[in-house]
């Protein structure tokens, strides 16, 4: 009687440690503002900047939104009061995760000081924005009416002086310090005002209509670019 060959049992491959998904919180647990004056300035900047770029689909404006510049490093983050990004589409975001945004960093950042901000905290913020590629950085203290302006020159953020009538290279807005409180002005010289929701909708509708007419004229003349034709289709379908 022949012996029955022994078959070695098949071992399942060893399983490595299960990696937990990386969580990028959408809030740092801090309030948007510490007082009504700070809140008013955040709203002023956000609403008017959004109005300026309402017809430009490639400019994203946000407020009180966390920025994660490095994938896989959720502890590397910061929450600017207001920011603008050129080259990114509009739309809702829980946070700005740069690796999902064609690796484009924030372009312009605004911080509005509150009594709770410390000197070391603001130094850390400046270093963060410098390290991760912000082009323009503005710090305003509504209590003292002091404005600090930094602009990237070569590879670093450099403080700009004087600040009175300084014109933002990216935004086209100017900062008027001739009075008791800072006045931020549109590219055409009009002052920023707090825009209520109804006013914002009316302004956006008016600007969209003006843009629609402009693009329609260019299309009829055969002067519109492919991007402008696509924008015209979006506006006509809105």
Foldseek 3Di string as FASTA:
>chain_A
DDDDDDDDDDDDDDDDDDDDDDDQALAPPDDLDDDDVQVQVLLLVQLVLCLLCVLPQQKEKDAQTKEALDPPCNVLIDGFGIFMFGRFGYDDDSHHYCVVGVSGDTAETEHEDDPPDDPVNVVVVQVSCLVSPHAKYWYAYQVQQDIWIWGDDPRGTDTDPDQAQDADPVQLWHWHPPDPHIWIAHNVGHTGDRADPVRSVVSSVVVLVVLLVVLVVCVVVVNDDPVSVVSNVVSVVD
